[in-house]
């Protein structure tokens, strides 16, 4: 019996089951990424003047909309 088969000549394998430790590590890493993004957003907000905040959040230009989309906001 050949171990090659399926699409592209590779054998299909099932998903591995994660241990509790791996799940917690993955969740902690995801939370760290969220915290990092939020801290960058907070820093950006704090660096803006009141007029810049009004323009950025209430009346964003096309450029601002594109930059937000690229950052994933």
N, C-alpha and C. Protein backbone atom coordinates (compact mmCIF):
# COMPACT_ATOMS: atom_id res chain seq x y z
N UNK A 1 0.85 -1.17 0.00
CA UNK A 1 0.00 0.00 0.00
C UNK A 1 0.90 1.24 0.00
N UNK A 2 0.59 2.17 -0.84
CA UNK A 2 1.40 3.37 -0.99
C UNK A 2 1.00 4.44 0.02
N UNK A 3 2.00 5.13 0.56
CA UNK A 3 1.68 6.21 1.49
C UNK A 3 1.37 7.49 0.75
N UNK A 4 1.59 7.50 -0.56
CA UNK A 4 1.26 8.67 -1.37
C UNK A 4 -0.09 8.45 -2.01
N UNK A 5 -0.86 9.50 -2.07
CA UNK A 5 -2.18 9.41 -2.67
C UNK A 5 -2.91 10.72 -2.47
N UNK A 6 -4.13 10.76 -2.87
CA UNK A 6 -4.89 11.99 -2.71
C UNK A 6 -4.42 13.06 -3.67
N UNK A 7 -4.67 14.29 -3.37
CA UNK A 7 -4.31 15.40 -4.24
C UNK A 7 -2.84 15.74 -4.08
N UNK A 8 -2.14 15.91 -5.17
CA UNK A 8 -0.75 16.31 -5.12
C UNK A 8 0.20 15.21 -4.69
N UNK A 9 -0.27 14.00 -4.56
CA UNK A 9 0.59 12.90 -4.21
C UNK A 9 0.94 12.80 -2.74
N UNK A 10 0.32 13.59 -1.89
CA UNK A 10 0.62 13.53 -0.47
C UNK A 10 -0.52 12.86 0.28
N UNK A 11 -0.15 12.11 1.27
CA UNK A 11 -1.15 11.42 2.08
C UNK A 11 -1.86 12.44 2.96
N UNK A 12 -3.12 12.26 3.17
CA UNK A 12 -3.89 13.15 4.04
C UNK A 12 -3.68 12.73 5.48
N UNK A 13 -3.57 13.73 6.32
CA UNK A 13 -3.40 13.45 7.75
C UNK A 13 -4.46 14.23 8.51
N UNK A 14 -4.90 13.65 9.59
CA UNK A 14 -5.87 14.32 10.44
C UNK A 14 -5.23 15.41 11.27
N UNK A 15 -6.04 16.27 11.85
CA UNK A 15 -5.53 17.33 12.71
C UNK A 15 -5.06 16.74 14.03
N UNK A 16 -3.97 17.30 14.53
CA UNK A 16 -3.48 16.84 15.82
C UNK A 16 -4.30 17.46 16.93
N UNK A 17 -4.49 16.73 17.98
CA UNK A 17 -5.19 17.23 19.15
C UNK A 17 -4.17 17.94 20.03
N UNK A 18 -4.52 19.16 20.43
CA UNK A 18 -3.61 19.95 21.26
C UNK A 18 -3.79 19.58 22.73
N UNK A 19 -2.69 19.62 23.46
CA UNK A 19 -2.76 19.38 24.89
C UNK A 19 -3.26 20.65 25.58
N UNK A 20 -3.62 20.52 26.82
CA UNK A 20 -4.10 21.68 27.59
C UNK A 20 -3.03 22.77 27.64
N UNK A 21 -1.77 22.36 27.83
CA UNK A 21 -0.67 23.32 27.90
C UNK A 21 -0.52 24.08 26.58
N UNK A 22 -0.64 23.37 25.45
CA UNK A 22 -0.54 24.01 24.15
C UNK A 22 -1.69 24.99 23.92
N UNK A 23 -2.87 24.60 24.36
CA UNK A 23 -4.04 25.48 24.21
C UNK A 23 -3.84 26.75 25.02
N UNK A 24 -3.39 26.62 26.25
CA UNK A 24 -3.16 27.80 27.09
C UNK A 24 -2.05 28.68 26.52
N UNK A 25 -1.00 28.07 26.01
CA UNK A 25 0.10 28.84 25.41
C UNK A 25 -0.39 29.61 24.19
N UNK A 26 -1.19 28.94 23.36
CA UNK A 26 -1.74 29.58 22.17
C UNK A 26 -2.65 30.74 22.55
N UNK A 27 -3.50 30.53 23.54
CA UNK A 27 -4.40 31.59 23.99
C UNK A 27 -3.64 32.76 24.58
N UNK A 28 -2.58 32.47 25.35
CA UNK A 28 -1.76 33.54 25.93
C UNK A 28 -1.08 34.34 24.84
N UNK A 29 -0.58 33.66 23.80
CA UNK A 29 0.08 34.34 22.69
C UNK A 29 -0.91 35.23 21.94
N UNK A 30 -2.12 34.73 21.72
CA UNK A 30 -3.13 35.53 21.04
C UNK A 30 -3.50 36.76 21.87
N UNK A 31 -3.58 36.60 23.19
CA UNK A 31 -3.91 37.72 24.05
C UNK A 31 -2.79 38.76 24.03
N UNK A 32 -1.54 38.30 23.97
CA UNK A 32 -0.41 39.23 23.88
C UNK A 32 -0.47 40.04 22.60
N UNK A 33 -0.86 39.39 21.50
CA UNK A 33 -0.97 40.09 20.23
C UNK A 33 -2.08 41.14 20.29
N UNK A 34 -3.21 40.79 20.91
CA UNK A 34 -4.32 41.74 21.06
C UNK A 34 -3.88 42.92 21.92
N UNK A 35 -3.19 42.64 23.02
CA UNK A 35 -2.71 43.71 23.90
C UNK A 35 -1.75 44.63 23.17
N UNK A 36 -0.89 44.07 22.32
CA UNK A 36 0.06 44.88 21.56
C UNK A 36 -0.65 45.80 20.58
N UNK A 37 -1.65 45.28 19.89
CA UNK A 37 -2.42 46.08 18.94
C UNK A 37 -3.15 47.20 19.68
N UNK A 38 -3.77 46.87 20.81
CA UNK A 38 -4.49 47.88 21.57
C UNK A 38 -3.56 48.97 22.11
N UNK A 39 -2.38 48.58 22.53
CA UNK A 39 -1.43 49.57 23.03
C UNK A 39 -0.97 50.51 21.92
N UNK A 40 -0.80 49.96 20.70
CA UNK A 40 -0.44 50.81 19.57
C UNK A 40 -1.57 51.78 19.24
N UNK A 41 -2.82 51.30 19.30
CA UNK A 41 -3.96 52.17 19.04
C UNK A 41 -4.07 53.25 20.11
N UNK A 42 -3.85 52.89 21.36
CA UNK A 42 -3.89 53.87 22.45
C UNK A 42 -2.81 54.92 22.27
N UNK A 43 -1.62 54.49 21.90
CA UNK A 43 -0.51 55.43 21.71
C UNK A 43 -0.81 56.38 20.56
N UNK A 44 -1.39 55.86 19.49
CA UNK A 44 -1.75 56.69 18.34
C UNK A 44 -2.81 57.71 18.76
N UNK A 45 -3.80 57.27 19.52
CA UNK A 45 -4.87 58.16 19.97
C UNK A 45 -4.31 59.25 20.90
N UNK A 46 -3.44 58.86 21.82
CA UNK A 46 -2.87 59.82 22.77
C UNK A 46 -1.99 60.86 22.09
N UNK A 47 -1.37 60.48 20.97
CA UNK A 47 -0.48 61.40 20.27
C UNK A 47 -1.24 62.42 19.41
N UNK A 48 -2.54 62.20 19.20
CA UNK A 48 -3.33 63.09 18.36
C UNK A 48 -3.85 64.28 19.17
N UNK A 49 -4.00 65.39 18.44
CA UNK A 49 -4.68 66.54 19.04
C UNK A 49 -6.18 66.31 18.92
N UNK A 50 -6.96 67.14 19.57
CA UNK A 50 -8.43 66.99 19.51
C UNK A 50 -8.95 67.12 18.08
N UNK A 51 -8.37 68.05 17.31
CA UNK A 51 -8.80 68.24 15.92
C UNK A 51 -8.46 67.02 15.07
N UNK A 52 -7.26 66.46 15.30
CA UNK A 52 -6.85 65.26 14.56
C UNK A 52 -7.75 64.08 14.90
N UNK A 53 -8.13 63.95 16.15
CA UNK A 53 -9.04 62.87 16.55
C UNK A 53 -10.39 63.02 15.87
N UNK A 54 -10.89 64.23 15.84
CA UNK A 54 -12.19 64.51 15.20
C UNK A 54 -12.13 64.11 13.73
N UNK A 55 -11.06 64.52 13.06
CA UNK A 55 -10.92 64.22 11.64
C UNK A 55 -10.71 62.73 11.41
N UNK A 56 -9.90 62.09 12.23
CA UNK A 56 -9.56 60.68 12.06
C UNK A 56 -10.75 59.76 12.33
N UNK A 57 -11.49 60.04 13.40
CA UNK A 57 -12.57 59.14 13.80
C UNK A 57 -13.93 59.54 13.28
N UNK A 58 -14.21 60.82 13.18
CA UNK A 58 -15.55 61.26 12.80
C UNK A 58 -15.69 61.52 11.30
N UNK A 59 -14.64 62.05 10.66
CA UNK A 59 -14.69 62.38 9.24
C UNK A 59 -13.42 61.88 8.55
N UNK A 60 -13.22 60.57 8.49
CA UNK A 60 -11.97 60.06 7.91
C UNK A 60 -11.92 60.27 6.40
N UNK A 61 -10.74 60.62 5.91
CA UNK A 61 -10.53 60.77 4.47
C UNK A 61 -10.35 59.38 3.85
N UNK A 62 -10.30 59.36 2.54
CA UNK A 62 -10.09 58.08 1.84
C UNK A 62 -8.74 57.49 2.24
N UNK A 63 -7.72 58.33 2.35
CA UNK A 63 -6.39 57.86 2.76
C UNK A 63 -6.46 57.22 4.15
N UNK A 64 -7.16 57.88 5.07
CA UNK A 64 -7.29 57.35 6.43
C UNK A 64 -8.04 56.02 6.42
N UNK A 65 -9.08 55.92 5.62
CA UNK A 65 -9.85 54.67 5.53
C UNK A 65 -8.97 53.54 5.01
N UNK A 66 -8.13 53.84 4.01
CA UNK A 66 -7.24 52.82 3.44
C UNK A 66 -6.21 52.39 4.48
N UNK A 67 -5.61 53.37 5.19
CA UNK A 67 -4.62 53.03 6.20
C UNK A 67 -5.23 52.20 7.32
N UNK A 68 -6.45 52.53 7.71
CA UNK A 68 -7.14 51.73 8.74
C UNK A 68 -7.35 50.29 8.25
N UNK A 69 -7.75 50.16 6.99
CA UNK A 69 -7.98 48.82 6.43
C UNK A 69 -6.69 48.02 6.40
N UNK A 70 -5.58 48.67 6.05
CA UNK A 70 -4.30 47.96 6.02
C UNK A 70 -3.87 47.53 7.40
N UNK A 71 -4.20 48.30 8.42
CA UNK A 71 -3.86 47.94 9.80
C UNK A 71 -4.86 46.93 10.37
N UNK A 72 -5.95 46.71 9.67
CA UNK A 72 -6.93 45.72 10.11
C UNK A 72 -7.91 46.26 11.13
N UNK A 73 -8.21 47.53 11.06
CA UNK A 73 -9.15 48.12 12.02
C UNK A 73 -10.53 48.22 11.41
